[in-house]
């Protein structure tokens, strides 16, 4: 069993070396152990933490397990190892109900170009009210990603709705800010006044024509 786990781990490392990053929120599938098999549901609760629920059944017992797991990326985000702990309850054919605590150490990989997760792990357990006080189970899980994490999209020309969103070419709606630097201060430019057209000019502004000298023979 241990040799098989080592082979699977080596295959996962080789297969997933160039895998793209793929985060997930919820995944579910099948788990197989030496004398048991069942269902697995994995739910992300923190950026790098999940809770896994196992429902296992064998020839002589059934059990339910909950494990809190902390994940650590290896090489790429598509490959990680995880450690965790939790507890279980179950029913043994000859002894009745039992319970206990569990630990887990495993390796998880996302199969490239799919929504499948393959994991291999070792799960030591301490049982109470069970014919075996201690057990060490190795298992394989194949889960399908039910809910993926949404990826943030990069808008090439900037966001339309988000004023602060940046695209490669900036935000279309963002107005260009005027430079506040002036070499000679805030001197206002003088603009020539336009002459207003008036049909009847003001009396004050009306030019009085000069009187022409009159010819006088005698002063």
N, C-alpha and C. Protein backbone atom coordinates (compact mmCIF):
# COMPACT_ATOMS: atom_id res chain seq x y z
N UNK A 1 0.83 -1.20 0.00
CA UNK A 1 0.00 0.00 0.00
C UNK A 1 0.87 1.26 0.00
N UNK A 2 1.90 1.26 0.82
CA UNK A 2 2.79 2.42 0.90
C UNK A 2 3.53 2.63 -0.42
N UNK A 3 3.94 1.52 -1.05
CA UNK A 3 4.62 1.64 -2.35
C UNK A 3 3.70 2.25 -3.40
N UNK A 4 2.43 1.87 -3.36
CA UNK A 4 1.47 2.44 -4.31
C UNK A 4 1.31 3.94 -4.09
N UNK A 5 1.26 4.33 -2.83
CA UNK A 5 1.13 5.76 -2.52
C UNK A 5 2.33 6.53 -3.03
N UNK A 6 3.53 5.97 -2.85
CA UNK A 6 4.75 6.64 -3.33
C UNK A 6 4.74 6.78 -4.84
N UNK A 7 4.27 5.75 -5.54
CA UNK A 7 4.20 5.81 -7.01
C UNK A 7 3.21 6.87 -7.46
N UNK A 8 2.07 6.94 -6.79
CA UNK A 8 1.07 7.94 -7.16
C UNK A 8 1.59 9.34 -6.90
N UNK A 9 2.29 9.53 -5.78
CA UNK A 9 2.86 10.84 -5.46
C UNK A 9 3.86 11.26 -6.51
N UNK A 10 4.73 10.32 -6.92
CA UNK A 10 5.72 10.63 -7.95
C UNK A 10 5.04 10.99 -9.28
N UNK A 11 3.98 10.24 -9.61
CA UNK A 11 3.25 10.54 -10.84
C UNK A 11 2.58 11.89 -10.78
N UNK A 12 2.05 12.25 -9.64
CA UNK A 12 1.40 13.56 -9.49
C UNK A 12 2.41 14.69 -9.65
N UNK A 13 3.60 14.48 -9.10
CA UNK A 13 4.64 15.51 -9.23
C UNK A 13 5.04 15.71 -10.69
N UNK A 14 5.20 14.61 -11.42
CA UNK A 14 5.60 14.71 -12.82
C UNK A 14 4.47 15.26 -13.68
N UNK A 15 3.26 14.83 -13.41
CA UNK A 15 2.12 15.23 -14.25
C UNK A 15 1.74 16.68 -14.06
N UNK A 16 1.91 17.19 -12.85
CA UNK A 16 1.39 18.51 -12.53
C UNK A 16 2.47 19.58 -12.49
N UNK A 17 3.66 19.28 -13.00
CA UNK A 17 4.76 20.25 -12.91
C UNK A 17 4.43 21.53 -13.65
N UNK A 18 3.71 21.42 -14.79
CA UNK A 18 3.37 22.60 -15.57
C UNK A 18 1.89 22.96 -15.45
N UNK A 19 1.23 22.47 -14.43
CA UNK A 19 -0.20 22.72 -14.30
C UNK A 19 -0.47 24.17 -13.98
N UNK A 20 -1.57 24.69 -14.53
CA UNK A 20 -1.94 26.07 -14.27
C UNK A 20 -2.60 26.16 -12.89
N UNK A 21 -2.48 27.37 -12.31
CA UNK A 21 -3.09 27.59 -11.01
C UNK A 21 -4.61 27.49 -11.14
N UNK A 22 -5.24 26.78 -10.20
CA UNK A 22 -6.68 26.62 -10.23
C UNK A 22 -7.18 26.48 -8.81
N UNK A 23 -7.74 27.54 -8.28
CA UNK A 23 -8.28 27.47 -6.94
C UNK A 23 -9.74 27.05 -7.00
N UNK A 24 -10.20 26.43 -5.91
CA UNK A 24 -11.57 25.96 -5.87
C UNK A 24 -12.18 26.28 -4.52
N UNK A 25 -13.51 26.25 -4.46
CA UNK A 25 -14.23 26.48 -3.21
C UNK A 25 -14.83 25.18 -2.69
N UNK A 26 -15.48 24.42 -3.57
CA UNK A 26 -16.11 23.17 -3.16
C UNK A 26 -15.78 22.06 -4.16
N UNK A 27 -15.41 20.88 -3.63
CA UNK A 27 -15.12 19.72 -4.48
C UNK A 27 -15.64 18.47 -3.78
N UNK A 28 -16.12 17.51 -4.58
CA UNK A 28 -16.66 16.27 -4.01
C UNK A 28 -16.30 15.10 -4.91
N UNK A 29 -16.21 13.90 -4.30
CA UNK A 29 -15.87 12.73 -5.10
C UNK A 29 -15.81 11.46 -4.28
N UNK A 30 -14.94 10.54 -4.73
CA UNK A 30 -14.82 9.21 -4.13
C UNK A 30 -13.48 9.06 -3.42
N UNK A 31 -13.50 8.26 -2.35
CA UNK A 31 -12.26 7.94 -1.62
C UNK A 31 -12.18 6.43 -1.49
N UNK A 32 -10.96 5.90 -1.71
CA UNK A 32 -10.73 4.46 -1.62
C UNK A 32 -9.59 4.21 -0.64
N UNK A 33 -9.83 3.29 0.31
CA UNK A 33 -8.80 2.84 1.25
C UNK A 33 -8.61 1.33 1.08
N UNK A 34 -7.81 0.72 1.93
CA UNK A 34 -7.49 -0.70 1.76
C UNK A 34 -8.72 -1.58 1.88
N UNK A 35 -9.49 -1.41 2.95
CA UNK A 35 -10.66 -2.26 3.17
C UNK A 35 -11.97 -1.47 3.17
N UNK A 36 -11.91 -0.20 2.77
CA UNK A 36 -13.11 0.62 2.81
C UNK A 36 -13.15 1.56 1.61
N UNK A 37 -14.32 2.07 1.33
CA UNK A 37 -14.46 3.11 0.32
C UNK A 37 -15.66 3.98 0.68
N UNK A 38 -15.70 5.16 0.11
CA UNK A 38 -16.81 6.05 0.47
C UNK A 38 -16.75 7.37 -0.28
N UNK A 39 -17.38 8.38 0.30
CA UNK A 39 -17.52 9.69 -0.32
C UNK A 39 -16.69 10.73 0.43
N UNK A 40 -16.25 11.75 -0.32
CA UNK A 40 -15.49 12.84 0.27
C UNK A 40 -16.03 14.17 -0.25
N UNK A 41 -16.14 15.13 0.66
CA UNK A 41 -16.57 16.48 0.32
C UNK A 41 -15.59 17.45 0.95
N UNK A 42 -15.04 18.32 0.13
CA UNK A 42 -14.03 19.27 0.62
C UNK A 42 -14.55 20.70 0.39
N UNK A 43 -14.55 21.49 1.46
CA UNK A 43 -15.05 22.85 1.41
C UNK A 43 -13.98 23.82 1.91
N UNK A 44 -13.67 24.83 1.10
CA UNK A 44 -12.69 25.81 1.53
C UNK A 44 -13.35 26.80 2.48
N UNK A 45 -12.70 27.06 3.61
CA UNK A 45 -13.23 27.97 4.62
C UNK A 45 -12.34 29.19 4.81
N UNK A 46 -11.06 29.07 4.45
CA UNK A 46 -10.10 30.16 4.51
C UNK A 46 -9.25 30.10 3.24
N UNK A 47 -8.48 31.16 2.92
CA UNK A 47 -7.71 31.14 1.67
C UNK A 47 -6.87 29.88 1.46
N UNK A 48 -6.29 29.31 2.53
CA UNK A 48 -5.47 28.11 2.38
C UNK A 48 -5.92 26.98 3.31
N UNK A 49 -7.18 27.01 3.71
CA UNK A 49 -7.68 26.01 4.65
C UNK A 49 -8.99 25.42 4.14
N UNK A 50 -9.16 24.12 4.35
CA UNK A 50 -10.38 23.43 3.97
C UNK A 50 -10.87 22.55 5.12
N UNK A 51 -12.15 22.19 5.04
CA UNK A 51 -12.71 21.15 5.90
C UNK A 51 -13.16 20.02 4.99
N UNK A 52 -12.71 18.81 5.30
CA UNK A 52 -13.09 17.64 4.50
C UNK A 52 -13.98 16.74 5.33
N UNK A 53 -15.09 16.31 4.71
CA UNK A 53 -16.01 15.37 5.35
C UNK A 53 -15.92 14.04 4.61
N UNK A 54 -15.74 12.96 5.38
CA UNK A 54 -15.62 11.62 4.82
C UNK A 54 -16.74 10.74 5.35
N UNK A 55 -17.35 10.00 4.46
CA UNK A 55 -18.30 8.97 4.85
C UNK A 55 -17.81 7.64 4.29
N UNK A 56 -17.32 6.76 5.16
CA UNK A 56 -16.66 5.52 4.73
C UNK A 56 -17.44 4.30 5.21
N UNK A 57 -17.35 3.24 4.41
CA UNK A 57 -18.02 1.99 4.76
C UNK A 57 -17.13 0.81 4.38
N UNK A 58 -17.06 -0.20 5.26
CA UNK A 58 -16.30 -1.42 5.00
C UNK A 58 -17.14 -2.63 5.30
N UNK A 59 -16.49 -3.79 5.35
CA UNK A 59 -17.24 -5.03 5.60
C UNK A 59 -17.73 -5.12 7.04
N UNK A 60 -17.03 -4.46 7.96
CA UNK A 60 -17.38 -4.59 9.38
C UNK A 60 -17.70 -3.27 10.07
N UNK A 61 -17.54 -2.16 9.36
CA UNK A 61 -17.79 -0.89 10.06
C UNK A 61 -18.18 0.21 9.07
N UNK A 62 -18.82 1.23 9.62
CA UNK A 62 -19.10 2.47 8.89
C UNK A 62 -18.64 3.62 9.79
N UNK A 63 -18.23 4.72 9.16
CA UNK A 63 -17.74 5.84 9.97
C UNK A 63 -17.94 7.15 9.21
N UNK A 64 -17.96 8.24 9.98
CA UNK A 64 -18.01 9.59 9.43
C UNK A 64 -16.89 10.40 10.09
N UNK A 65 -16.15 11.15 9.27
CA UNK A 65 -14.97 11.88 9.75
C UNK A 65 -15.01 13.31 9.24
N UNK A 66 -14.56 14.23 10.08
CA UNK A 66 -14.40 15.63 9.69
C UNK A 66 -12.96 16.04 9.98
N UNK A 67 -12.29 16.64 8.98
CA UNK A 67 -10.88 17.00 9.10
C UNK A 67 -10.67 18.46 8.70
N UNK A 68 -9.99 19.21 9.54
CA UNK A 68 -9.56 20.56 9.17
C UNK A 68 -8.16 20.45 8.59
N UNK A 69 -7.95 21.02 7.37
CA UNK A 69 -6.69 20.84 6.66
C UNK A 69 -6.11 22.19 6.27
N UNK A 70 -4.81 22.31 6.44
CA UNK A 70 -4.07 23.51 6.01
C UNK A 70 -3.22 23.13 4.80
N UNK A 71 -3.35 23.90 3.70
CA UNK A 71 -2.68 23.57 2.44
C UNK A 71 -1.46 24.48 2.21
N UNK A 72 -0.43 23.89 1.60
CA UNK A 72 0.81 24.61 1.31
C UNK A 72 1.22 24.30 -0.13
N UNK A 73 1.33 25.32 -0.99
CA UNK A 73 1.65 25.06 -2.41
C UNK A 73 3.06 24.54 -2.60
N UNK A 74 3.23 23.67 -3.62
CA UNK A 74 4.53 23.14 -4.02
C UNK A 74 4.70 23.42 -5.51
N UNK A 75 5.78 24.06 -5.90
CA UNK A 75 6.11 24.34 -7.30
C UNK A 75 5.08 25.27 -7.94
N UNK A 76 3.85 24.79 -8.07
CA UNK A 76 2.77 25.60 -8.62
C UNK A 76 1.59 25.55 -7.67
N UNK A 77 0.61 26.44 -7.90
CA UNK A 77 -0.57 26.43 -7.05
C UNK A 77 -1.46 25.24 -7.34
N UNK A 78 -1.22 24.54 -8.44
CA UNK A 78 -2.01 23.36 -8.76
C UNK A 78 -1.56 22.13 -7.99
N UNK A 79 -0.45 22.22 -7.27
CA UNK A 79 0.07 21.09 -6.50
C UNK A 79 0.37 21.58 -5.09
N UNK A 80 -0.14 20.87 -4.08
CA UNK A 80 0.12 21.29 -2.70
C UNK A 80 0.09 20.08 -1.78
N UNK A 81 0.74 20.24 -0.64
CA UNK A 81 0.61 19.23 0.41
C UNK A 81 -0.22 19.84 1.53
N UNK A 82 -0.81 19.00 2.33
CA UNK A 82 -1.67 19.49 3.39
C UNK A 82 -1.51 18.63 4.63
N UNK A 83 -1.72 19.25 5.77
CA UNK A 83 -1.72 18.56 7.06
C UNK A 83 -2.98 18.99 7.80
N UNK A 84 -3.44 18.13 8.68
CA UNK A 84 -4.64 18.50 9.41
C UNK A 84 -4.98 17.51 10.51
N UNK A 85 -6.09 17.77 11.16
CA UNK A 85 -6.55 16.93 12.25
C UNK A 85 -8.06 17.04 12.35
N UNK A 86 -8.67 16.08 13.05
CA UNK A 86 -10.11 16.10 13.22
C UNK A 86 -10.57 14.94 14.09
N UNK A 87 -11.80 14.51 13.87
CA UNK A 87 -12.35 13.43 14.67
C UNK A 87 -13.33 12.60 13.87
N UNK A 88 -13.71 11.46 14.43
CA UNK A 88 -14.61 10.55 13.73
C UNK A 88 -15.55 9.86 14.71
N UNK A 89 -16.67 9.40 14.18
CA UNK A 89 -17.58 8.53 14.91
C UNK A 89 -17.97 7.40 13.96
N UNK A 90 -18.38 6.27 14.53
CA UNK A 90 -18.73 5.14 13.66
C UNK A 90 -19.43 4.03 14.40
N UNK A 91 -19.66 2.95 13.69
CA UNK A 91 -20.31 1.79 14.27
C UNK A 91 -19.58 0.55 13.79
N UNK A 92 -19.14 -0.25 14.74
CA UNK A 92 -18.42 -1.50 14.46
C UNK A 92 -19.39 -2.67 14.61
N UNK A 93 -19.28 -3.62 13.73
CA UNK A 93 -20.25 -4.74 13.67
C UNK A 93 -20.39 -5.46 15.00
N UNK A 94 -19.29 -5.78 15.68
CA UNK A 94 -19.35 -6.57 16.91
C UNK A 94 -19.34 -5.71 18.17
N UNK A 95 -18.76 -4.52 18.12
CA UNK A 95 -18.59 -3.71 19.33
C UNK A 95 -19.59 -2.56 19.44
N UNK A 96 -20.28 -2.22 18.37
CA UNK A 96 -21.21 -1.10 18.44
C UNK A 96 -20.53 0.23 18.13
N UNK A 97 -21.03 1.28 18.72
CA UNK A 97 -20.56 2.64 18.42
C UNK A 97 -19.14 2.86 18.93
N UNK A 98 -18.38 3.62 18.18
CA UNK A 98 -17.03 4.01 18.60
C UNK A 98 -16.78 5.44 18.12
N UNK A 99 -15.70 6.04 18.60
CA UNK A 99 -15.32 7.40 18.23
C UNK A 99 -13.82 7.54 18.39
N UNK A 100 -13.27 8.65 17.93
CA UNK A 100 -11.83 8.82 18.04
C UNK A 100 -11.35 10.12 17.40
N UNK A 101 -10.04 10.28 17.36
CA UNK A 101 -9.40 11.47 16.78
C UNK A 101 -8.50 11.04 15.63
N UNK A 102 -8.30 11.96 14.67
CA UNK A 102 -7.56 11.64 13.46
C UNK A 102 -6.53 12.73 13.16
N UNK A 103 -5.51 12.31 12.43
CA UNK A 103 -4.57 13.25 11.82
C UNK A 103 -4.49 12.91 10.33
N UNK A 104 -3.96 13.82 9.54
CA UNK A 104 -3.85 13.55 8.10
C UNK A 104 -2.65 14.30 7.53
N UNK A 105 -1.95 13.63 6.63
CA UNK A 105 -0.85 14.22 5.88
C UNK A 105 -0.99 13.75 4.44
N UNK A 106 -1.14 14.69 3.50
CA UNK A 106 -1.41 14.27 2.13
C UNK A 106 -0.86 15.21 1.09
N UNK A 107 -1.04 14.80 -0.15
CA UNK A 107 -0.59 15.55 -1.31
C UNK A 107 -1.76 15.64 -2.29
N UNK A 108 -2.02 16.84 -2.79
CA UNK A 108 -3.17 17.06 -3.67
C UNK A 108 -2.71 17.74 -4.96
N UNK A 109 -3.25 17.31 -6.10
CA UNK A 109 -2.90 17.89 -7.39
C UNK A 109 -4.14 18.06 -8.23
N UNK A 110 -4.17 19.14 -8.98
CA UNK A 110 -5.24 19.35 -9.95
C UNK A 110 -4.75 18.81 -11.29
N UNK A 111 -5.56 17.94 -11.89
CA UNK A 111 -5.20 17.38 -13.19
C UNK A 111 -5.37 18.45 -14.25
N UNK A 112 -4.34 18.66 -15.02
CA UNK A 112 -4.29 19.77 -15.96
C UNK A 112 -5.42 19.69 -16.98
N UNK A 113 -6.00 20.86 -17.29
CA UNK A 113 -7.09 21.01 -18.27
C UNK A 113 -8.39 20.31 -17.84
N UNK A 114 -8.52 19.97 -16.56
CA UNK A 114 -9.75 19.35 -16.08
C UNK A 114 -10.17 20.04 -14.78
N UNK A 115 -11.32 19.60 -14.27
CA UNK A 115 -11.78 20.09 -12.96
C UNK A 115 -11.66 18.98 -11.91
N UNK A 116 -10.68 18.07 -12.13
CA UNK A 116 -10.49 16.95 -11.23
C UNK A 116 -9.31 17.18 -10.30
N UNK A 117 -9.49 16.76 -9.05
CA UNK A 117 -8.43 16.82 -8.03
C UNK A 117 -8.10 15.40 -7.60
N UNK A 118 -6.81 15.07 -7.60
CA UNK A 118 -6.35 13.76 -7.16
C UNK A 118 -5.51 13.96 -5.91
N UNK A 119 -5.80 13.19 -4.88
CA UNK A 119 -5.03 13.30 -3.64
C UNK A 119 -4.69 11.93 -3.09
N UNK A 120 -3.56 11.87 -2.40
CA UNK A 120 -3.12 10.66 -1.70
C UNK A 120 -2.68 11.07 -0.31
N UNK A 121 -3.06 10.28 0.70
CA UNK A 121 -2.73 10.71 2.07
C UNK A 121 -2.58 9.51 3.00
N UNK A 122 -2.00 9.80 4.15
CA UNK A 122 -1.94 8.87 5.27
C UNK A 122 -2.75 9.46 6.41
N UNK A 123 -3.59 8.63 7.04
CA UNK A 123 -4.50 9.13 8.07
C UNK A 123 -4.42 8.25 9.32
N UNK A 124 -3.55 8.63 10.26
CA UNK A 124 -3.52 7.89 11.53
C UNK A 124 -4.74 8.23 12.37
N UNK A 125 -5.21 7.24 13.14
CA UNK A 125 -6.41 7.46 13.96
C UNK A 125 -6.27 6.71 15.29
N UNK A 126 -6.77 7.35 16.34
CA UNK A 126 -6.86 6.72 17.65
C UNK A 126 -8.34 6.47 17.94
N UNK A 127 -8.70 5.20 18.25
CA UNK A 127 -10.09 4.82 18.45
C UNK A 127 -10.38 4.58 19.93
N UNK A 128 -11.61 4.87 20.30
CA UNK A 128 -12.12 4.55 21.63
C UNK A 128 -13.35 3.67 21.47
N UNK A 129 -13.43 2.64 22.31
CA UNK A 129 -14.50 1.63 22.23
C UNK A 129 -14.44 0.88 20.90
N UNK A 130 -13.21 0.53 20.53
CA UNK A 130 -12.97 -0.17 19.27
C UNK A 130 -11.99 -1.30 19.54
N UNK A 131 -12.05 -2.35 18.76
CA UNK A 131 -11.14 -3.48 18.98
C UNK A 131 -9.70 -3.12 18.65
N UNK A 132 -9.49 -2.12 17.82
CA UNK A 132 -8.14 -1.63 17.53
C UNK A 132 -7.99 -0.22 18.09
N UNK A 133 -7.04 -0.07 19.02
CA UNK A 133 -6.85 1.23 19.65
C UNK A 133 -6.27 2.24 18.65
N UNK A 134 -5.37 1.78 17.79
CA UNK A 134 -4.70 2.67 16.84
C UNK A 134 -4.80 2.07 15.43
N UNK A 135 -5.03 2.96 14.45
CA UNK A 135 -5.07 2.51 13.06
C UNK A 135 -4.37 3.50 12.15
N UNK A 136 -3.78 3.03 11.07
CA UNK A 136 -3.12 3.88 10.08
C UNK A 136 -3.66 3.50 8.70
N UNK A 137 -4.43 4.40 8.14
CA UNK A 137 -5.04 4.15 6.85
C UNK A 137 -4.40 5.04 5.78
N UNK A 138 -4.12 4.43 4.64
CA UNK A 138 -3.69 5.20 3.47
C UNK A 138 -4.82 5.20 2.46
N UNK A 139 -5.02 6.31 1.77
CA UNK A 139 -6.13 6.34 0.84
C UNK A 139 -5.91 7.27 -0.33
N UNK A 140 -6.74 7.10 -1.35
CA UNK A 140 -6.73 7.95 -2.54
C UNK A 140 -8.11 8.57 -2.71
N UNK A 141 -8.13 9.82 -3.12
CA UNK A 141 -9.39 10.51 -3.36
C UNK A 141 -9.37 11.14 -4.74
N UNK A 142 -10.48 11.04 -5.43
CA UNK A 142 -10.65 11.71 -6.72
C UNK A 142 -11.89 12.58 -6.59
N UNK A 143 -11.69 13.90 -6.63
CA UNK A 143 -12.79 14.84 -6.44
C UNK A 143 -12.98 15.70 -7.68
N UNK A 144 -14.23 16.11 -7.88
CA UNK A 144 -14.59 17.00 -8.99
C UNK A 144 -14.90 18.38 -8.41
N UNK A 145 -14.35 19.42 -9.03
CA UNK A 145 -14.56 20.78 -8.54
C UNK A 145 -15.97 21.22 -8.90
N UNK A 146 -16.80 21.41 -7.88
CA UNK A 146 -18.17 21.84 -8.09
C UNK A 146 -18.27 23.36 -8.22
N UNK A 147 -17.51 24.07 -7.39
CA UNK A 147 -17.53 25.54 -7.41
C UNK A 147 -16.11 26.04 -7.49
N UNK A 148 -15.80 26.75 -8.57
CA UNK A 148 -14.48 27.32 -8.74
C UNK A 148 -14.43 28.72 -8.14
N UNK A 149 -13.22 29.14 -7.81
CA UNK A 149 -13.04 30.52 -7.36
C UNK A 149 -13.04 31.43 -8.58
N UNK A 150 -13.78 32.53 -8.50
CA UNK A 150 -13.85 33.45 -9.62
C UNK A 150 -12.52 34.17 -9.77
N UNK A 151 -12.06 34.20 -11.02
CA UNK A 151 -10.82 34.89 -11.31
C UNK A 151 -11.11 36.35 -11.63
N UNK A 152 -10.21 37.23 -11.21
CA UNK A 152 -10.35 38.64 -11.51
C UNK A 152 -9.93 38.87 -12.95
N UNK A 153 -10.84 39.47 -13.71
CA UNK A 153 -10.57 39.72 -15.11
C UNK A 153 -9.86 41.05 -15.29
N UNK A 154 -8.85 41.04 -16.16
CA UNK A 154 -8.13 42.26 -16.50
C UNK A 154 -8.78 42.88 -17.72
N UNK A 155 -9.30 44.10 -17.55
CA UNK A 155 -9.92 44.81 -18.66
C UNK A 155 -8.84 45.58 -19.39
N UNK A 156 -8.67 45.28 -20.68
CA UNK A 156 -7.57 45.86 -21.45
C UNK A 156 -7.67 47.37 -21.54
N UNK A 157 -8.90 47.89 -21.62
CA UNK A 157 -9.09 49.33 -21.79
C UNK A 157 -9.67 49.99 -20.54
N UNK A 158 -9.55 49.31 -19.39
CA UNK A 158 -10.04 49.91 -18.15
C UNK A 158 -11.48 49.53 -17.89
N UNK A 159 -11.89 49.67 -16.63
CA UNK A 159 -13.24 49.29 -16.26
C UNK A 159 -14.23 50.38 -16.60
N UNK A 160 -15.44 49.95 -16.98
CA UNK A 160 -16.49 50.91 -17.29
C UNK A 160 -17.21 51.37 -16.03
N UNK A 161 -17.40 50.42 -15.10
CA UNK A 161 -18.17 50.75 -13.92
C UNK A 161 -17.31 51.17 -12.75
N UNK A 162 -16.16 50.59 -12.62
CA UNK A 162 -15.29 50.88 -11.50
C UNK A 162 -14.39 52.04 -11.84
N UNK A 163 -14.53 53.12 -11.11
CA UNK A 163 -13.74 54.31 -11.43
C UNK A 163 -12.28 54.10 -11.14
N UNK A 164 -11.98 53.24 -10.16
CA UNK A 164 -10.58 53.05 -9.77
C UNK A 164 -9.95 51.86 -10.46
N UNK A 165 -10.72 51.12 -11.26
CA UNK A 165 -10.17 49.93 -11.90
C UNK A 165 -9.21 50.35 -12.99
N UNK A 166 -8.09 49.66 -13.04
CA UNK A 166 -7.08 50.03 -14.01
C UNK A 166 -6.96 49.02 -15.10
N UNK A 167 -6.99 49.46 -16.32
CA UNK A 167 -6.68 48.60 -17.44
C UNK A 167 -5.30 48.96 -17.93
N UNK A 168 -4.84 48.27 -18.93
CA UNK A 168 -3.51 48.57 -19.46
C UNK A 168 -3.48 49.98 -20.03
N UNK A 169 -4.60 50.40 -20.60
CA UNK A 169 -4.66 51.72 -21.20
C UNK A 169 -5.47 52.69 -20.34
N UNK A 170 -5.71 52.33 -19.06
CA UNK A 170 -6.37 53.25 -18.15
C UNK A 170 -7.87 53.22 -18.29
N UNK A 171 -8.52 54.08 -17.53
CA UNK A 171 -9.97 54.15 -17.51
C UNK A 171 -10.46 55.17 -18.52
N UNK A 172 -11.43 54.77 -19.35
CA UNK A 172 -11.94 55.66 -20.37
C UNK A 172 -12.64 56.86 -19.76
N UNK A 173 -13.36 56.62 -18.66
CA UNK A 173 -14.16 57.67 -18.08
C UNK A 173 -13.34 58.63 -17.24
N UNK A 174 -12.14 58.29 -16.94
CA UNK A 174 -11.32 59.12 -16.08
C UNK A 174 -10.85 60.34 -16.85
N UNK A 175 -11.12 61.53 -16.31
CA UNK A 175 -10.73 62.75 -16.98
C UNK A 175 -9.27 63.02 -16.76
N UNK A 176 -8.66 63.64 -17.74
CA UNK A 176 -7.26 63.98 -17.62
C UNK A 176 -7.10 65.12 -16.64
N UNK A 177 -6.18 64.94 -15.71
CA UNK A 177 -5.95 65.98 -14.73
C UNK A 177 -5.03 67.03 -15.31
N UNK A 178 -5.40 68.31 -15.06
CA UNK A 178 -4.59 69.41 -15.55
C UNK A 178 -3.41 69.61 -14.64
N UNK A 179 -2.29 69.88 -15.24
CA UNK A 179 -1.09 70.10 -14.47
C UNK A 179 -1.19 71.43 -13.73
N UNK A 180 -0.85 71.43 -12.43
CA UNK A 180 -0.94 72.65 -11.64
C UNK A 180 0.33 73.48 -11.67
N UNK A 181 1.36 73.02 -12.38
CA UNK A 181 2.63 73.73 -12.41
C UNK A 181 2.61 74.82 -13.46
N UNK A 182 2.95 76.05 -13.05
CA UNK A 182 3.05 77.18 -13.96
C UNK A 182 4.38 77.87 -13.72
N UNK A 183 5.07 78.14 -14.81
CA UNK A 183 6.42 78.70 -14.70
C UNK A 183 6.40 80.11 -14.14
N UNK A 184 5.42 80.91 -14.53
CA UNK A 184 5.38 82.31 -14.11
C UNK A 184 4.14 82.60 -13.26
N UNK A 185 3.73 81.61 -12.47
CA UNK A 185 2.62 81.85 -11.56
C UNK A 185 1.28 81.78 -12.27
N UNK A 186 0.27 82.28 -11.55
CA UNK A 186 -1.10 82.23 -12.06
C UNK A 186 -1.48 83.53 -12.75
N UNK A 187 -0.68 83.93 -13.68
CA UNK A 187 -0.95 85.17 -14.39
C UNK A 187 -2.00 84.91 -15.45
N UNK A 188 -3.06 85.70 -15.35
CA UNK A 188 -4.14 85.52 -16.31
C UNK A 188 -3.79 86.17 -17.63
N UNK A 189 -4.13 85.50 -18.66
CA UNK A 189 -3.86 86.03 -19.99
C UNK A 189 -4.83 87.15 -20.30
N UNK A 190 -4.26 88.25 -20.80
CA UNK A 190 -5.09 89.39 -21.16
C UNK A 190 -5.66 89.17 -22.55
N UNK A 191 -6.94 89.26 -22.62
CA UNK A 191 -7.61 89.08 -23.90
C UNK A 191 -8.14 90.42 -24.38
N UNK A 192 -7.92 90.74 -25.63
CA UNK A 192 -8.43 92.02 -26.15
C UNK A 192 -9.95 92.05 -26.10
N UNK A 193 -10.45 93.22 -25.66
CA UNK A 193 -11.89 93.37 -25.57
C UNK A 193 -12.50 93.56 -26.95
N UNK A 194 -13.56 92.87 -27.14
CA UNK A 194 -14.24 92.98 -28.42
C UNK A 194 -15.18 94.19 -28.39
N UNK A 195 -15.16 94.92 -29.46
CA UNK A 195 -16.04 96.07 -29.56
C UNK A 195 -17.46 95.61 -29.79
N UNK A 196 -18.34 96.17 -28.98
CA UNK A 196 -19.74 95.81 -29.09
C UNK A 196 -20.41 96.68 -30.15
N UNK A 197 -21.24 96.05 -30.92
CA UNK A 197 -21.98 96.78 -31.94
C UNK A 197 -23.24 97.36 -31.33
N UNK A 198 -23.42 98.61 -31.51
CA UNK A 198 -24.60 99.29 -30.99
C UNK A 198 -25.27 100.05 -32.11
N UNK A 199 -26.57 99.90 -32.17
CA UNK A 199 -27.33 100.60 -33.21
C UNK A 199 -27.40 102.08 -32.90
N UNK A 200 -27.63 102.42 -31.63
CA UNK A 200 -27.65 103.82 -31.19
C UNK A 200 -26.59 104.00 -30.13
N UNK A 201 -25.46 104.53 -30.46
CA UNK A 201 -24.38 104.69 -29.47
C UNK A 201 -24.79 105.61 -28.35
N UNK A 202 -24.09 105.45 -27.22
CA UNK A 202 -24.37 106.31 -26.07
C UNK A 202 -23.98 107.74 -26.38
N UNK A 203 -24.70 108.65 -25.70
CA UNK A 203 -24.44 110.08 -25.95
C UNK A 203 -23.03 110.45 -25.53
N UNK A 204 -22.58 109.89 -24.41
CA UNK A 204 -21.26 110.24 -23.92
C UNK A 204 -20.18 109.79 -24.89
N UNK A 205 -20.42 108.67 -25.49
CA UNK A 205 -19.41 108.14 -26.38
C UNK A 205 -19.53 108.71 -27.79
N UNK A 206 -20.65 109.45 -28.05
CA UNK A 206 -20.86 110.00 -29.40
C UNK A 206 -19.86 111.11 -29.67
N UNK A 207 -19.16 111.02 -30.72
CA UNK A 207 -18.15 112.03 -31.07
C UNK A 207 -18.82 113.27 -31.65
N UNK A 208 -18.42 114.44 -31.09
CA UNK A 208 -18.96 115.72 -31.56
C UNK A 208 -18.10 116.21 -32.71
N UNK A 209 -18.69 116.44 -33.83
CA UNK A 209 -17.85 116.90 -34.96
C UNK A 209 -17.32 118.31 -34.73
N UNK A 210 -16.08 118.50 -35.11
CA UNK A 210 -15.46 119.82 -34.94
C UNK A 210 -16.12 120.84 -35.87
N UNK A 211 -16.29 122.10 -35.32
CA UNK A 211 -16.90 123.16 -36.12
C UNK A 211 -15.92 123.69 -37.16
N UNK A 212 -16.41 123.85 -38.35
CA UNK A 212 -15.56 124.37 -39.41
C UNK A 212 -15.44 125.89 -39.28
N UNK A 213 -14.25 126.42 -39.46
CA UNK A 213 -14.09 127.90 -39.36
C UNK A 213 -14.92 128.61 -40.43
N UNK A 214 -15.67 129.61 -39.92
CA UNK A 214 -16.51 130.39 -40.83
C UNK A 214 -15.71 131.58 -41.42
N UNK A 215 -15.97 131.83 -42.64
CA UNK A 215 -15.28 132.98 -43.30
C UNK A 215 -16.00 134.27 -42.93
N UNK A 216 -15.23 135.21 -42.36
CA UNK A 216 -15.75 136.50 -41.97
C UNK A 216 -14.95 137.59 -42.67
N UNK A 217 -15.67 138.45 -43.30
CA UNK A 217 -14.95 139.57 -43.94
C UNK A 217 -14.44 140.55 -42.91
N UNK A 218 -15.27 140.87 -41.90
CA UNK A 218 -14.85 141.77 -40.81
C UNK A 218 -15.10 141.06 -39.52
N UNK A 219 -14.08 141.09 -38.61
CA UNK A 219 -14.26 140.49 -37.31
C UNK A 219 -15.24 141.32 -36.49
